[in-house]
Amino acid sequence: MTEKLETLATDLGDAEMLNQASNLPHAPLAIDAAQVPLSGGTDPTYGEVRWRTLINGTPDTPRDMVLGLAEFEPHGRLLPHRHDPPEFYFGLEGDGIVTIDGVPHRIAPGIAIYVPGGAEHGTQAGEHGLKFSYGFATPNFEDIEYRFTAAG
């Protein structure tokens, strides 16, 4: 047994530690959402949704994903739209309905929703408002082209 442990220790001693910050393609990042100001809530094109983009790449600080929080007052909306990258939502507080290509899906704490790329989707918060996390497997939020459905 001692011989096996010594061999293992020797093998590990020669291994490159890939989980060290200096070896990662992008530096680790920790963000306190309370320190990120809210955006949105004023453009009628979007609806009343407000958001905090927590993880987002720039040319100087590349990332492999976008992560944020969407926040809605009671009965607030994110109007129907499309974008090419798929997206996920994960319910945190309150509740509401996310309609994807005409099919309503309940969102509430603990419920995850996958929105396929190119699918039309919109959100309606319930009577207590709604908060969910959202994310894209794309390096930069600003490069996502939102195409809002024209009001008929």
Protein backbone atom coordinates (compact mmCIF):
# COMPACT_ATOMS: atom_id res chain seq x y z
CA MET A 1 0.00 0.00 0.00
CA THR A 2 2.83 2.44 0.85
CA GLU A 3 4.44 1.74 -2.53
CA LYS A 4 1.16 2.58 -4.33
CA LEU A 5 0.82 5.86 -2.40
CA GLU A 6 4.41 6.84 -3.19
CA THR A 7 3.82 6.11 -6.90
CA LEU A 8 0.62 8.16 -6.86
CA ALA A 9 2.38 11.05 -5.12
CA THR A 10 5.17 10.95 -7.73
CA ASP A 11 2.66 10.85 -10.59
CA LEU A 12 0.71 13.81 -9.16
CA GLY A 13 3.87 15.76 -8.46
CA ASP A 14 4.60 15.83 -12.20
CA ALA A 15 1.07 16.86 -13.19
CA GLU A 16 0.24 20.36 -14.33
CA MET A 17 -2.44 21.91 -12.13
CA LEU A 18 -5.07 22.99 -14.67
CA ASN A 19 -7.40 24.56 -12.12
CA GLN A 20 -5.05 27.39 -11.20
CA ALA A 21 -6.09 30.88 -12.30
CA SER A 22 -2.87 31.38 -14.26
CA ASN A 23 -3.64 28.30 -16.40
CA LEU A 24 -7.26 29.14 -17.23
CA PRO A 25 -8.21 30.75 -20.56
CA HIS A 26 -10.13 33.47 -18.65
CA ALA A 27 -9.54 34.66 -15.11
CA PRO A 28 -12.11 33.68 -12.46
CA LEU A 29 -14.67 36.31 -11.60
CA ALA A 30 -16.92 36.93 -8.59
CA ILE A 31 -19.70 39.52 -8.86
CA ASP A 32 -22.02 40.80 -6.12
CA ALA A 33 -25.35 41.39 -7.89
CA ALA A 34 -26.26 44.06 -5.33
CA GLN A 35 -23.33 46.14 -6.62
CA VAL A 36 -24.49 46.03 -10.28
CA PRO A 37 -26.96 48.78 -11.22
CA LEU A 38 -30.27 47.97 -12.88
CA SER A 39 -30.70 48.76 -16.58
CA GLY A 40 -33.85 49.03 -18.66
CA GLY A 41 -37.40 49.61 -17.57
CA THR A 42 -37.79 52.79 -19.62
CA ASP A 43 -37.89 51.71 -23.29
CA PRO A 44 -41.42 50.72 -24.37
CA THR A 45 -39.89 48.47 -27.06
CA TYR A 46 -38.74 46.06 -24.34
CA GLY A 47 -41.57 46.38 -21.85
CA GLU A 48 -41.06 47.10 -18.16
CA VAL A 49 -38.31 44.56 -17.48
CA ARG A 50 -35.12 45.69 -15.75
CA TRP A 51 -31.91 43.68 -15.68
CA ARG A 52 -28.45 43.39 -14.20
CA THR A 53 -25.78 41.90 -16.46
CA LEU A 54 -23.39 40.13 -14.08
CA ILE A 55 -20.99 38.24 -16.35
CA ASN A 56 -20.25 39.72 -19.75
CA GLY A 57 -17.24 39.77 -22.01
CA THR A 58 -15.50 42.74 -23.59
CA PRO A 59 -12.59 42.83 -26.04
CA ASP A 60 -10.22 43.42 -23.09
CA THR A 61 -11.81 40.85 -20.75
CA PRO A 62 -13.20 37.95 -22.78
CA ARG A 63 -15.76 35.57 -21.28
CA ASP A 64 -17.43 32.47 -22.68
CA MET A 65 -20.91 33.28 -21.41
CA VAL A 66 -23.35 35.95 -20.35
CA LEU A 67 -25.20 35.76 -17.03
CA GLY A 68 -27.66 38.23 -15.60
CA LEU A 69 -30.76 38.83 -13.52
CA ALA A 70 -34.10 39.99 -14.91
CA GLU A 71 -36.41 41.80 -12.50
CA PHE A 72 -40.09 42.64 -12.97
CA GLU A 73 -42.53 44.64 -10.89
CA PRO A 74 -46.00 43.10 -10.47
CA HIS A 75 -47.48 42.40 -13.93
CA GLY A 76 -44.33 43.71 -15.64
CA ARG A 77 -43.50 42.46 -19.12
CA LEU A 78 -40.67 41.58 -21.45
CA LEU A 79 -42.31 41.90 -24.85
CA PRO A 80 -42.13 39.10 -27.46
CA HIS A 81 -38.81 38.95 -29.25
CA ARG A 82 -36.26 36.64 -30.85
CA HIS A 83 -32.48 36.31 -30.87
CA ASP A 84 -30.19 33.75 -32.40
CA PRO A 85 -28.40 32.30 -29.37
CA PRO A 86 -30.39 29.95 -27.13
CA GLU A 87 -31.07 31.23 -23.61
CA PHE A 88 -31.98 29.82 -20.22
CA TYR A 89 -34.07 31.28 -17.43
CA PHE A 90 -33.99 30.07 -13.82
CA GLY A 91 -36.73 31.35 -11.51
CA LEU A 92 -35.59 32.99 -8.26
CA GLU A 93 -38.52 35.00 -6.82
CA GLY A 94 -42.18 35.60 -7.63
CA ASP A 95 -43.80 33.96 -10.61
CA GLY A 96 -44.98 34.57 -14.13
CA ILE A 97 -45.52 33.13 -17.57
CA VAL A 98 -42.88 32.78 -20.29
CA THR A 99 -44.52 32.22 -23.67
CA ILE A 100 -42.27 30.48 -26.21
CA ASP A 101 -43.57 30.20 -29.78
CA GLY A 102 -47.12 30.60 -28.50
CA VAL A 103 -46.86 28.03 -25.68
CA PRO A 104 -47.08 29.39 -22.10
CA HIS A 105 -44.70 28.05 -19.45
CA ARG A 106 -44.91 28.88 -15.75
CA ILE A 107 -41.76 30.30 -14.16
CA ALA A 108 -41.27 30.45 -10.39
CA PRO A 109 -38.43 29.75 -7.93
CA GLY A 110 -36.57 26.59 -8.91
CA ILE A 111 -38.06 26.31 -12.41
CA ALA A 112 -35.62 26.31 -15.33
CA ILE A 113 -36.69 27.21 -18.85
CA TYR A 114 -34.75 26.64 -22.06
CA VAL A 115 -35.48 29.03 -24.93
CA PRO A 116 -34.22 27.66 -28.26
CA GLY A 117 -32.31 30.03 -30.52
CA GLY A 118 -34.63 31.93 -32.86
CA ALA A 119 -37.79 31.12 -30.85
CA GLU A 120 -40.18 33.97 -30.19
CA HIS A 121 -40.56 34.48 -26.45
CA GLY A 122 -41.89 37.01 -23.98
CA THR A 123 -42.56 37.18 -20.24
CA GLN A 124 -45.44 38.39 -18.09
CA ALA A 125 -44.81 38.68 -14.35
CA GLY A 126 -47.49 37.70 -11.85
CA GLU A 127 -49.09 39.78 -9.13
CA HIS A 128 -45.99 39.62 -6.88
CA GLY A 129 -43.45 40.42 -9.57
CA LEU A 130 -40.73 38.11 -10.88
CA LYS A 131 -36.98 37.67 -10.71
CA PHE A 132 -35.00 35.13 -12.69
CA SER A 133 -31.45 34.54 -13.82
CA TYR A 134 -30.78 34.34 -17.53
CA GLY A 135 -27.81 33.22 -19.52
CA PHE A 136 -26.39 32.79 -22.99
CA ALA A 137 -23.47 30.67 -24.19
CA THR A 138 -22.08 33.66 -26.05
CA PRO A 139 -19.19 35.93 -25.09
CA ASN A 140 -20.90 39.33 -25.09
CA PHE A 141 -24.43 40.57 -24.31
CA GLU A 142 -24.02 43.58 -26.59
CA ASP A 143 -23.54 41.30 -29.62
CA ILE A 144 -26.96 39.66 -29.16
CA GLU A 145 -29.40 41.12 -31.66
CA TYR A 146 -32.89 41.35 -30.11
CA ARG A 147 -35.64 41.40 -32.73
CA PHE A 148 -38.91 42.51 -31.14
CA THR A 149 -42.21 41.43 -32.64
CA ALA A 150 -44.03 44.40 -34.09
CA ALA A 151 -47.20 45.32 -32.23
CA GLY A 152 -50.15 44.48 -34.45
